[in-house]
Amino acid sequence: MALLEDDNERAESYRILAGFFAEPPDADRLRTIKEDFALEAKEPEEEVRGDFDALFAFPGGKVPPRETLYAEGGDDAESAEAFYYRSGLTFDEEYELMPDHITLEFLFMSYLIDSNNHELQEKFLEEHLANWVPYYCEEVIRQARTVFYREIAGITRDFIGSEYDGLS
């Protein structure tokens, strides 16, 4: 499982991807993302922010980024949470995101990479991320009004696909 040159790059990639689904970028961050990823998107911050809300907001977004809604089985929030606890992580009661939110799952993968826990990385990727994120990203691409989120979803889909293909 060595898609990128080193685990630091992989962990940072997961953290960056997590941020895309956590909150809409402000104008400066949007400009940086467009430059860093050489995106073709030209939409202004207000349009990207509106699309973020229309796509990801809870409740009411067209495609909330939650595994339970896209993976087969339906109890994936509990299953993801069990992975977190098995690795020694716990959450404050005030934490707002559901355990199966894409942001938490990506941050968890970055934690596993940073912790050198290759066994749990592979298991979590196979049982969770690869099981729903590519399909979810295809749905975001279909539903997004902005080129920005279509491109972000494509980048995310391709990254997870490459990670899964790189399983040893």
N, C-alpha and C. Protein backbone atom coordinates (compact mmCIF):
# COMPACT_ATOMS: atom_id res chain seq x y z
N MET A 1 0.84 -1.18 0.00
CA MET A 1 0.00 0.00 0.00
C MET A 1 0.89 1.24 0.00
N ALA A 2 1.48 1.53 -1.12
CA ALA A 2 2.40 2.65 -1.18
C ALA A 2 2.12 3.49 -2.41
N LEU A 3 0.94 4.10 -2.46
CA LEU A 3 0.56 4.90 -3.60
C LEU A 3 1.47 6.12 -3.74
N LEU A 4 1.64 6.87 -2.70
CA LEU A 4 2.47 8.06 -2.74
C LEU A 4 3.86 7.73 -2.23
N GLU A 5 4.77 8.65 -2.47
CA GLU A 5 6.16 8.44 -2.11
C GLU A 5 6.33 7.99 -0.66
N ASP A 6 5.61 8.63 0.24
CA ASP A 6 5.73 8.23 1.64
C ASP A 6 4.42 8.43 2.37
N ASP A 7 4.38 7.88 3.56
CA ASP A 7 3.16 7.95 4.34
C ASP A 7 2.79 9.38 4.75
N ASN A 8 3.78 10.25 4.90
CA ASN A 8 3.47 11.64 5.24
C ASN A 8 2.61 12.28 4.16
N GLU A 9 2.94 12.02 2.90
CA GLU A 9 2.16 12.55 1.79
C GLU A 9 0.75 11.95 1.76
N ARG A 10 0.66 10.67 2.02
CA ARG A 10 -0.66 10.02 2.04
C ARG A 10 -1.53 10.60 3.15
N ALA A 11 -0.97 10.71 4.35
CA ALA A 11 -1.73 11.25 5.49
C ALA A 11 -2.18 12.68 5.19
N GLU A 12 -1.29 13.48 4.64
CA GLU A 12 -1.65 14.87 4.32
C GLU A 12 -2.72 14.92 3.24
N SER A 13 -2.68 14.01 2.28
CA SER A 13 -3.71 13.96 1.25
C SER A 13 -5.08 13.69 1.86
N TYR A 14 -5.15 12.77 2.80
CA TYR A 14 -6.42 12.50 3.47
C TYR A 14 -6.90 13.71 4.26
N ARG A 15 -5.99 14.43 4.92
CA ARG A 15 -6.39 15.62 5.66
C ARG A 15 -6.92 16.71 4.74
N ILE A 16 -6.27 16.88 3.60
CA ILE A 16 -6.73 17.88 2.62
C ILE A 16 -8.11 17.51 2.10
N LEU A 17 -8.29 16.25 1.73
CA LEU A 17 -9.59 15.80 1.23
C LEU A 17 -10.67 15.96 2.29
N ALA A 18 -10.35 15.66 3.53
CA ALA A 18 -11.32 15.82 4.62
C ALA A 18 -11.84 17.25 4.68
N GLY A 19 -10.95 18.21 4.49
CA GLY A 19 -11.33 19.61 4.57
C GLY A 19 -12.32 20.02 3.49
N PHE A 20 -12.26 19.39 2.33
CA PHE A 20 -13.17 19.74 1.24
C PHE A 20 -14.62 19.48 1.61
N PHE A 21 -14.86 18.50 2.47
CA PHE A 21 -16.23 18.11 2.82
C PHE A 21 -16.65 18.62 4.19
N ALA A 22 -15.75 19.30 4.89
CA ALA A 22 -16.04 19.79 6.24
C ALA A 22 -16.72 21.15 6.21
N GLU A 23 -16.24 22.05 5.36
CA GLU A 23 -16.81 23.39 5.27
C GLU A 23 -16.40 24.00 3.93
N PRO A 24 -17.20 24.95 3.46
CA PRO A 24 -16.84 25.58 2.18
C PRO A 24 -15.61 26.47 2.36
N PRO A 25 -14.80 26.57 1.32
CA PRO A 25 -13.60 27.41 1.44
C PRO A 25 -13.95 28.89 1.38
N ASP A 26 -13.19 29.70 2.12
CA ASP A 26 -13.33 31.14 1.96
C ASP A 26 -12.60 31.55 0.68
N ALA A 27 -12.64 32.82 0.35
CA ALA A 27 -12.09 33.28 -0.93
C ALA A 27 -10.61 32.95 -1.08
N ASP A 28 -9.81 33.18 -0.03
CA ASP A 28 -8.38 32.89 -0.10
C ASP A 28 -8.10 31.41 -0.27
N ARG A 29 -8.79 30.60 0.52
CA ARG A 29 -8.60 29.14 0.42
C ARG A 29 -9.04 28.63 -0.93
N LEU A 30 -10.14 29.15 -1.43
CA LEU A 30 -10.64 28.75 -2.75
C LEU A 30 -9.59 29.03 -3.83
N ARG A 31 -9.00 30.21 -3.79
CA ARG A 31 -7.97 30.58 -4.75
C ARG A 31 -6.77 29.63 -4.64
N THR A 32 -6.36 29.32 -3.41
CA THR A 32 -5.22 28.41 -3.19
C THR A 32 -5.53 27.01 -3.72
N ILE A 33 -6.72 26.51 -3.44
CA ILE A 33 -7.11 25.17 -3.90
C ILE A 33 -7.10 25.12 -5.43
N LYS A 34 -7.68 26.14 -6.05
CA LYS A 34 -7.72 26.18 -7.52
C LYS A 34 -6.31 26.16 -8.10
N GLU A 35 -5.40 26.92 -7.49
CA GLU A 35 -4.02 26.97 -7.97
C GLU A 35 -3.28 25.66 -7.70
N ASP A 36 -3.37 25.16 -6.44
CA ASP A 36 -2.63 23.96 -6.06
C ASP A 36 -3.04 22.73 -6.86
N PHE A 37 -4.31 22.64 -7.19
CA PHE A 37 -4.82 21.47 -7.90
C PHE A 37 -5.02 21.73 -9.39
N ALA A 38 -4.64 22.92 -9.84
CA ALA A 38 -4.79 23.31 -11.25
C ALA A 38 -6.22 23.05 -11.74
N LEU A 39 -7.19 23.51 -10.94
CA LEU A 39 -8.59 23.30 -11.29
C LEU A 39 -9.02 24.25 -12.39
N GLU A 40 -9.98 23.82 -13.18
CA GLU A 40 -10.54 24.66 -14.22
C GLU A 40 -11.68 25.52 -13.71
N ALA A 41 -12.15 25.27 -12.50
CA ALA A 41 -13.29 25.98 -11.92
C ALA A 41 -13.02 27.48 -11.88
N LYS A 42 -14.04 28.24 -12.24
CA LYS A 42 -13.93 29.70 -12.25
C LYS A 42 -14.96 30.36 -11.31
N GLU A 43 -15.79 29.56 -10.64
CA GLU A 43 -16.87 30.12 -9.84
C GLU A 43 -16.32 30.94 -8.66
N PRO A 44 -17.03 32.01 -8.31
CA PRO A 44 -16.64 32.81 -7.14
C PRO A 44 -17.02 32.11 -5.84
N GLU A 45 -16.49 32.61 -4.74
CA GLU A 45 -16.73 32.02 -3.42
C GLU A 45 -18.21 31.83 -3.12
N GLU A 46 -19.03 32.82 -3.41
CA GLU A 46 -20.46 32.74 -3.07
C GLU A 46 -21.13 31.56 -3.77
N GLU A 47 -20.77 31.33 -5.01
CA GLU A 47 -21.35 30.22 -5.77
C GLU A 47 -20.88 28.87 -5.22
N VAL A 48 -19.60 28.77 -4.88
CA VAL A 48 -19.05 27.54 -4.31
C VAL A 48 -19.69 27.28 -2.95
N ARG A 49 -19.83 28.33 -2.14
CA ARG A 49 -20.47 28.20 -0.82
C ARG A 49 -21.91 27.73 -0.96
N GLY A 50 -22.63 28.29 -1.92
CA GLY A 50 -24.02 27.87 -2.15
C GLY A 50 -24.11 26.42 -2.58
N ASP A 51 -23.17 25.99 -3.42
CA ASP A 51 -23.17 24.60 -3.87
C ASP A 51 -22.81 23.67 -2.72
N PHE A 52 -21.87 24.08 -1.87
CA PHE A 52 -21.53 23.28 -0.70
C PHE A 52 -22.78 23.03 0.13
N ASP A 53 -23.53 24.10 0.42
CA ASP A 53 -24.75 23.96 1.23
C ASP A 53 -25.78 23.07 0.54
N ALA A 54 -25.96 23.27 -0.76
CA ALA A 54 -26.94 22.48 -1.51
C ALA A 54 -26.58 21.00 -1.55
N LEU A 55 -25.28 20.71 -1.60
CA LEU A 55 -24.82 19.33 -1.68
C LEU A 55 -24.71 18.65 -0.32
N PHE A 56 -24.00 19.29 0.61
CA PHE A 56 -23.51 18.60 1.81
C PHE A 56 -24.21 18.97 3.11
N ALA A 57 -24.98 20.05 3.14
CA ALA A 57 -25.58 20.51 4.39
C ALA A 57 -26.49 19.45 5.01
N PHE A 58 -26.51 19.44 6.33
CA PHE A 58 -27.39 18.51 7.04
C PHE A 58 -28.32 19.31 7.93
N PRO A 59 -29.61 19.10 7.89
CA PRO A 59 -30.31 18.28 6.89
C PRO A 59 -30.56 19.10 5.63
N GLY A 60 -30.95 18.47 4.60
CA GLY A 60 -31.38 19.18 3.41
C GLY A 60 -30.45 19.12 2.22
N GLY A 61 -29.19 18.76 2.42
CA GLY A 61 -28.28 18.65 1.28
C GLY A 61 -28.67 17.48 0.39
N LYS A 62 -28.41 17.61 -0.89
CA LYS A 62 -28.77 16.56 -1.85
C LYS A 62 -27.94 15.29 -1.67
N VAL A 63 -26.66 15.45 -1.29
CA VAL A 63 -25.77 14.30 -1.14
C VAL A 63 -24.91 14.45 0.12
N PRO A 64 -25.53 14.28 1.30
CA PRO A 64 -24.75 14.38 2.53
C PRO A 64 -23.62 13.35 2.53
N PRO A 65 -22.43 13.76 2.94
CA PRO A 65 -21.26 12.86 2.86
C PRO A 65 -21.19 11.86 4.01
N ARG A 66 -22.15 10.93 4.03
CA ARG A 66 -22.23 9.92 5.09
C ARG A 66 -22.28 8.53 4.48
N GLU A 67 -21.41 7.68 4.98
CA GLU A 67 -21.31 6.31 4.46
C GLU A 67 -22.62 5.56 4.55
N THR A 68 -23.36 5.73 5.64
CA THR A 68 -24.61 5.00 5.85
C THR A 68 -25.57 5.18 4.69
N LEU A 69 -25.52 6.31 4.04
CA LEU A 69 -26.45 6.61 2.96
C LEU A 69 -26.04 6.02 1.61
N TYR A 70 -24.79 5.56 1.49
CA TYR A 70 -24.29 5.13 0.19
C TYR A 70 -23.71 3.72 0.16
N ALA A 71 -23.36 3.17 1.30
CA ALA A 71 -22.76 1.84 1.32
C ALA A 71 -23.83 0.78 1.53
N GLU A 72 -23.53 -0.40 1.11
CA GLU A 72 -24.42 -1.52 1.34
C GLU A 72 -24.37 -1.89 2.82
N GLY A 73 -25.48 -2.22 3.41
CA GLY A 73 -25.48 -2.66 4.79
C GLY A 73 -26.27 -1.75 5.70
N GLY A 74 -25.98 -0.45 5.68
CA GLY A 74 -26.78 0.50 6.43
C GLY A 74 -26.37 0.79 7.85
N ASP A 75 -25.55 -0.03 8.50
CA ASP A 75 -25.15 0.22 9.89
C ASP A 75 -23.72 0.73 9.96
N ASP A 76 -23.28 1.39 8.92
CA ASP A 76 -21.88 1.73 8.80
C ASP A 76 -21.41 2.81 9.77
N ALA A 77 -22.32 3.61 10.32
CA ALA A 77 -21.90 4.59 11.33
C ALA A 77 -21.36 3.85 12.55
N GLU A 78 -22.06 2.83 12.98
CA GLU A 78 -21.60 2.04 14.13
C GLU A 78 -20.33 1.27 13.80
N SER A 79 -20.24 0.76 12.59
CA SER A 79 -19.06 0.02 12.18
C SER A 79 -17.83 0.93 12.13
N ALA A 80 -17.99 2.14 11.58
CA ALA A 80 -16.88 3.10 11.55
C ALA A 80 -16.47 3.48 12.96
N GLU A 81 -17.45 3.72 13.81
CA GLU A 81 -17.16 4.10 15.19
C GLU A 81 -16.40 2.98 15.91
N ALA A 82 -16.74 1.74 15.62
CA ALA A 82 -16.03 0.61 16.23
C ALA A 82 -14.56 0.61 15.83
N PHE A 83 -14.26 0.97 14.59
CA PHE A 83 -12.86 1.10 14.16
C PHE A 83 -12.15 2.16 14.97
N TYR A 84 -12.81 3.29 15.18
CA TYR A 84 -12.19 4.39 15.92
C TYR A 84 -11.83 3.93 17.34
N TYR A 85 -12.78 3.29 18.00
CA TYR A 85 -12.53 2.84 19.37
C TYR A 85 -11.46 1.76 19.43
N ARG A 86 -11.47 0.87 18.44
CA ARG A 86 -10.47 -0.20 18.39
C ARG A 86 -9.06 0.37 18.28
N SER A 87 -8.93 1.52 17.65
CA SER A 87 -7.61 2.15 17.51
C SER A 87 -7.27 3.04 18.70
N GLY A 88 -8.21 3.15 19.66
CA GLY A 88 -7.96 3.95 20.85
C GLY A 88 -8.52 5.36 20.82
N LEU A 89 -9.26 5.72 19.77
CA LEU A 89 -9.83 7.06 19.67
C LEU A 89 -11.21 7.12 20.30
N THR A 90 -11.51 8.24 20.91
CA THR A 90 -12.85 8.51 21.41
C THR A 90 -13.22 9.94 21.02
N PHE A 91 -14.49 10.26 21.08
CA PHE A 91 -14.97 11.58 20.70
C PHE A 91 -15.70 12.23 21.86
N ASP A 92 -15.58 13.55 21.96
CA ASP A 92 -16.36 14.30 22.93
C ASP A 92 -17.82 14.20 22.56
N GLU A 93 -18.68 14.27 23.57
CA GLU A 93 -20.12 14.18 23.30
C GLU A 93 -20.60 15.33 22.43
N GLU A 94 -19.93 16.48 22.52
CA GLU A 94 -20.35 17.65 21.75
C GLU A 94 -19.96 17.56 20.28
N TYR A 95 -19.19 16.55 19.90
CA TYR A 95 -18.72 16.47 18.52
C TYR A 95 -19.92 16.36 17.60
N GLU A 96 -19.97 17.20 16.58
CA GLU A 96 -21.17 17.33 15.76
C GLU A 96 -21.26 16.36 14.59
N LEU A 97 -20.15 15.92 14.05
CA LEU A 97 -20.21 15.04 12.89
C LEU A 97 -20.55 13.61 13.28
N MET A 98 -21.30 12.95 12.41
CA MET A 98 -21.61 11.54 12.62
C MET A 98 -20.34 10.72 12.36
N PRO A 99 -20.20 9.57 13.00
CA PRO A 99 -18.98 8.75 12.84
C PRO A 99 -18.71 8.33 11.40
N ASP A 100 -19.75 8.25 10.57
CA ASP A 100 -19.56 7.81 9.19
C ASP A 100 -19.44 8.97 8.21
N HIS A 101 -19.26 10.19 8.71
CA HIS A 101 -19.07 11.35 7.84
C HIS A 101 -17.72 11.23 7.14
N ILE A 102 -17.67 11.57 5.88
CA ILE A 102 -16.45 11.42 5.08
C ILE A 102 -15.27 12.16 5.72
N THR A 103 -15.53 13.30 6.33
CA THR A 103 -14.45 14.06 6.96
C THR A 103 -13.81 13.26 8.08
N LEU A 104 -14.62 12.66 8.94
CA LEU A 104 -14.07 11.85 10.04
C LEU A 104 -13.36 10.62 9.51
N GLU A 105 -13.93 9.99 8.51
CA GLU A 105 -13.30 8.78 7.97
C GLU A 105 -11.94 9.11 7.35
N PHE A 106 -11.85 10.23 6.64
CA PHE A 106 -10.56 10.63 6.06
C PHE A 106 -9.56 11.01 7.15
N LEU A 107 -10.01 11.74 8.15
CA LEU A 107 -9.10 12.10 9.25
C LEU A 107 -8.64 10.85 10.00
N PHE A 108 -9.52 9.88 10.14
CA PHE A 108 -9.15 8.63 10.78
C PHE A 108 -8.07 7.91 9.97
N MET A 109 -8.22 7.89 8.65
CA MET A 109 -7.18 7.26 7.82
C MET A 109 -5.85 7.98 7.99
N SER A 110 -5.87 9.30 8.06
CA SER A 110 -4.61 10.03 8.24
C SER A 110 -3.99 9.66 9.59
N TYR A 111 -4.83 9.47 10.60
CA TYR A 111 -4.35 9.05 11.93
C TYR A 111 -3.71 7.65 11.85
N LEU A 112 -4.38 6.74 11.16
CA LEU A 112 -3.84 5.38 11.02
C LEU A 112 -2.51 5.39 10.28
N ILE A 113 -2.41 6.22 9.27
CA ILE A 113 -1.15 6.32 8.52
C ILE A 113 -0.06 6.89 9.41
N ASP A 114 -0.38 7.98 10.11
CA ASP A 114 0.59 8.59 11.02
C ASP A 114 1.02 7.62 12.12
N SER A 115 0.12 6.72 12.51
CA SER A 115 0.40 5.74 13.57
C SER A 115 1.08 4.48 13.05
N ASN A 116 1.30 4.41 11.75
CA ASN A 116 1.91 3.23 11.12
C ASN A 116 1.09 1.96 11.32
N ASN A 117 -0.20 2.10 11.43
CA ASN A 117 -1.07 0.94 11.63
C ASN A 117 -1.55 0.44 10.27
N HIS A 118 -0.67 -0.28 9.57
CA HIS A 118 -0.96 -0.73 8.22
C HIS A 118 -2.13 -1.70 8.15
N GLU A 119 -2.24 -2.56 9.15
CA GLU A 119 -3.32 -3.54 9.14
C GLU A 119 -4.69 -2.85 9.19
N LEU A 120 -4.85 -1.90 10.11
CA LEU A 120 -6.13 -1.19 10.19
C LEU A 120 -6.35 -0.28 8.99
N GLN A 121 -5.30 0.30 8.44
CA GLN A 121 -5.43 1.12 7.23
C GLN A 121 -6.08 0.31 6.12
N GLU A 122 -5.50 -0.87 5.86
CA GLU A 122 -6.01 -1.71 4.78
C GLU A 122 -7.44 -2.15 5.05
N LYS A 123 -7.69 -2.54 6.28
CA LYS A 123 -9.03 -3.02 6.65
C LYS A 123 -10.07 -1.89 6.53
N PHE A 124 -9.73 -0.70 7.03
CA PHE A 124 -10.67 0.42 6.97
C PHE A 124 -10.89 0.87 5.53
N LEU A 125 -9.84 0.91 4.75
CA LEU A 125 -9.96 1.28 3.35
C LEU A 125 -10.86 0.30 2.62
N GLU A 126 -10.62 -0.98 2.83
CA GLU A 126 -11.39 -2.01 2.14
C GLU A 126 -12.84 -2.07 2.61
N GLU A 127 -13.06 -2.03 3.92
CA GLU A 127 -14.41 -2.20 4.46
C GLU A 127 -15.24 -0.92 4.45
N HIS A 128 -14.57 0.22 4.39
CA HIS A 128 -15.31 1.48 4.44
C HIS A 128 -15.07 2.36 3.23
N LEU A 129 -13.93 3.00 3.15
CA LEU A 129 -13.72 4.03 2.12
C LEU A 129 -13.93 3.53 0.70
N ALA A 130 -13.31 2.43 0.34
CA ALA A 130 -13.44 1.92 -1.03
C ALA A 130 -14.84 1.39 -1.30
N ASN A 131 -15.58 1.14 -0.24
CA ASN A 131 -16.92 0.56 -0.36
C ASN A 131 -17.98 1.61 -0.68
N TRP A 132 -17.67 2.90 -0.48
CA TRP A 132 -18.70 3.89 -0.75
C TRP A 132 -18.20 5.19 -1.37
N VAL A 133 -16.98 5.61 -1.10
CA VAL A 133 -16.52 6.92 -1.56
C VAL A 133 -16.53 7.06 -3.08
N PRO A 134 -16.06 6.08 -3.86
CA PRO A 134 -16.12 6.25 -5.32
C PRO A 134 -17.55 6.44 -5.84
N TYR A 135 -18.49 5.64 -5.33
CA TYR A 135 -19.89 5.79 -5.74
C TYR A 135 -20.42 7.16 -5.31
N TYR A 136 -20.11 7.54 -4.09
CA TYR A 136 -20.55 8.83 -3.57
C TYR A 136 -20.03 9.98 -4.43
N CYS A 137 -18.77 9.92 -4.79
CA CYS A 137 -18.17 10.98 -5.62
C CYS A 137 -18.84 11.07 -6.98
N GLU A 138 -19.22 9.94 -7.54
CA GLU A 138 -19.95 9.96 -8.82
C GLU A 138 -21.28 10.69 -8.65
N GLU A 139 -21.93 10.48 -7.52
CA GLU A 139 -23.19 11.17 -7.25
C GLU A 139 -22.96 12.67 -7.08
N VAL A 140 -21.89 13.06 -6.40
CA VAL A 140 -21.56 14.49 -6.26
C VAL A 140 -21.32 15.09 -7.64
N ILE A 141 -20.59 14.39 -8.49
CA ILE A 141 -20.32 14.89 -9.84
C ILE A 141 -21.64 15.11 -10.60
N ARG A 142 -22.60 14.22 -10.44
CA ARG A 142 -23.90 14.36 -11.11
C ARG A 142 -24.72 15.52 -10.54
N GLN A 143 -24.63 15.73 -9.23
CA GLN A 143 -25.50 16.70 -8.56
C GLN A 143 -24.92 18.11 -8.43
N ALA A 144 -23.61 18.24 -8.49
CA ALA A 144 -22.97 19.55 -8.26
C ALA A 144 -23.33 20.54 -9.35
N ARG A 145 -23.57 21.77 -8.92
CA ARG A 145 -23.83 22.86 -9.87
C ARG A 145 -22.53 23.52 -10.30
N THR A 146 -21.48 23.37 -9.50
CA THR A 146 -20.22 24.05 -9.80
C THR A 146 -19.18 23.07 -10.35
N VAL A 147 -18.36 23.60 -11.22
CA VAL A 147 -17.23 22.83 -11.74
C VAL A 147 -16.31 22.50 -10.56
N PHE A 148 -16.20 23.43 -9.61
CA PHE A 148 -15.31 23.23 -8.47
C PHE A 148 -15.61 21.91 -7.76
N TYR A 149 -16.85 21.68 -7.37
CA TYR A 149 -17.15 20.44 -6.63
C TYR A 149 -17.15 19.21 -7.53
N ARG A 150 -17.41 19.36 -8.81
CA ARG A 150 -17.26 18.21 -9.72
C ARG A 150 -15.79 17.80 -9.79
N GLU A 151 -14.90 18.79 -9.86
CA GLU A 151 -13.48 18.49 -9.91
C GLU A 151 -12.98 17.91 -8.59
N ILE A 152 -13.43 18.46 -7.47
CA ILE A 152 -13.03 17.95 -6.15
C ILE A 152 -13.50 16.50 -5.98
N ALA A 153 -14.72 16.22 -6.40
CA ALA A 153 -15.24 14.85 -6.30
C ALA A 153 -14.43 13.90 -7.18
N GLY A 154 -14.04 14.34 -8.36
CA GLY A 154 -13.22 13.51 -9.24
C GLY A 154 -11.85 13.22 -8.64
N ILE A 155 -11.24 14.23 -8.05
CA ILE A 155 -9.94 14.05 -7.39
C ILE A 155 -10.07 13.06 -6.24
N THR A 156 -11.12 13.21 -5.45
CA THR A 156 -11.35 12.32 -4.30
C THR A 156 -11.58 10.89 -4.76
N ARG A 157 -12.43 10.72 -5.75
CA ARG A 157 -12.72 9.37 -6.30
C ARG A 157 -11.44 8.71 -6.80
N ASP A 158 -10.65 9.45 -7.55
CA ASP A 158 -9.43 8.89 -8.11
C ASP A 158 -8.42 8.54 -7.03
N PHE A 159 -8.32 9.37 -6.02
CA PHE A 159 -7.38 9.10 -4.94
C PHE A 159 -7.76 7.82 -4.20
N ILE A 160 -9.03 7.68 -3.84
CA ILE A 160 -9.47 6.48 -3.12
C ILE A 160 -9.31 5.25 -4.01
N GLY A 161 -9.61 5.38 -5.29
CA GLY A 161 -9.41 4.26 -6.22
C GLY A 161 -7.95 3.85 -6.29
N SER A 162 -7.05 4.82 -6.32
CA SER A 162 -5.62 4.51 -6.35
C SER A 162 -5.16 3.87 -5.04
N GLU A 163 -5.67 4.36 -3.94
CA GLU A 163 -5.34 3.77 -2.65
C GLU A 163 -5.77 2.31 -2.61
N TYR A 164 -6.98 2.04 -3.07
CA TYR A 164 -7.51 0.68 -3.06
C TYR A 164 -6.71 -0.21 -4.01
N ASP A 165 -6.37 0.31 -5.18
CA ASP A 165 -5.56 -0.46 -6.14
C ASP A 165 -4.18 -0.76 -5.57
N GLY A 166 -3.70 0.08 -4.68
CA GLY A 166 -2.37 -0.09 -4.10
C GLY A 166 -2.30 -1.03 -2.90
N LEU A 167 -3.46 -1.60 -2.51
CA LEU A 167 -3.44 -2.55 -1.40
C LEU A 167 -2.50 -3.71 -1.71
N SER A 168 -1.71 -4.07 -0.74
CA SER A 168 -0.75 -5.17 -0.99
C SER A 168 -1.37 -6.51 -0.65
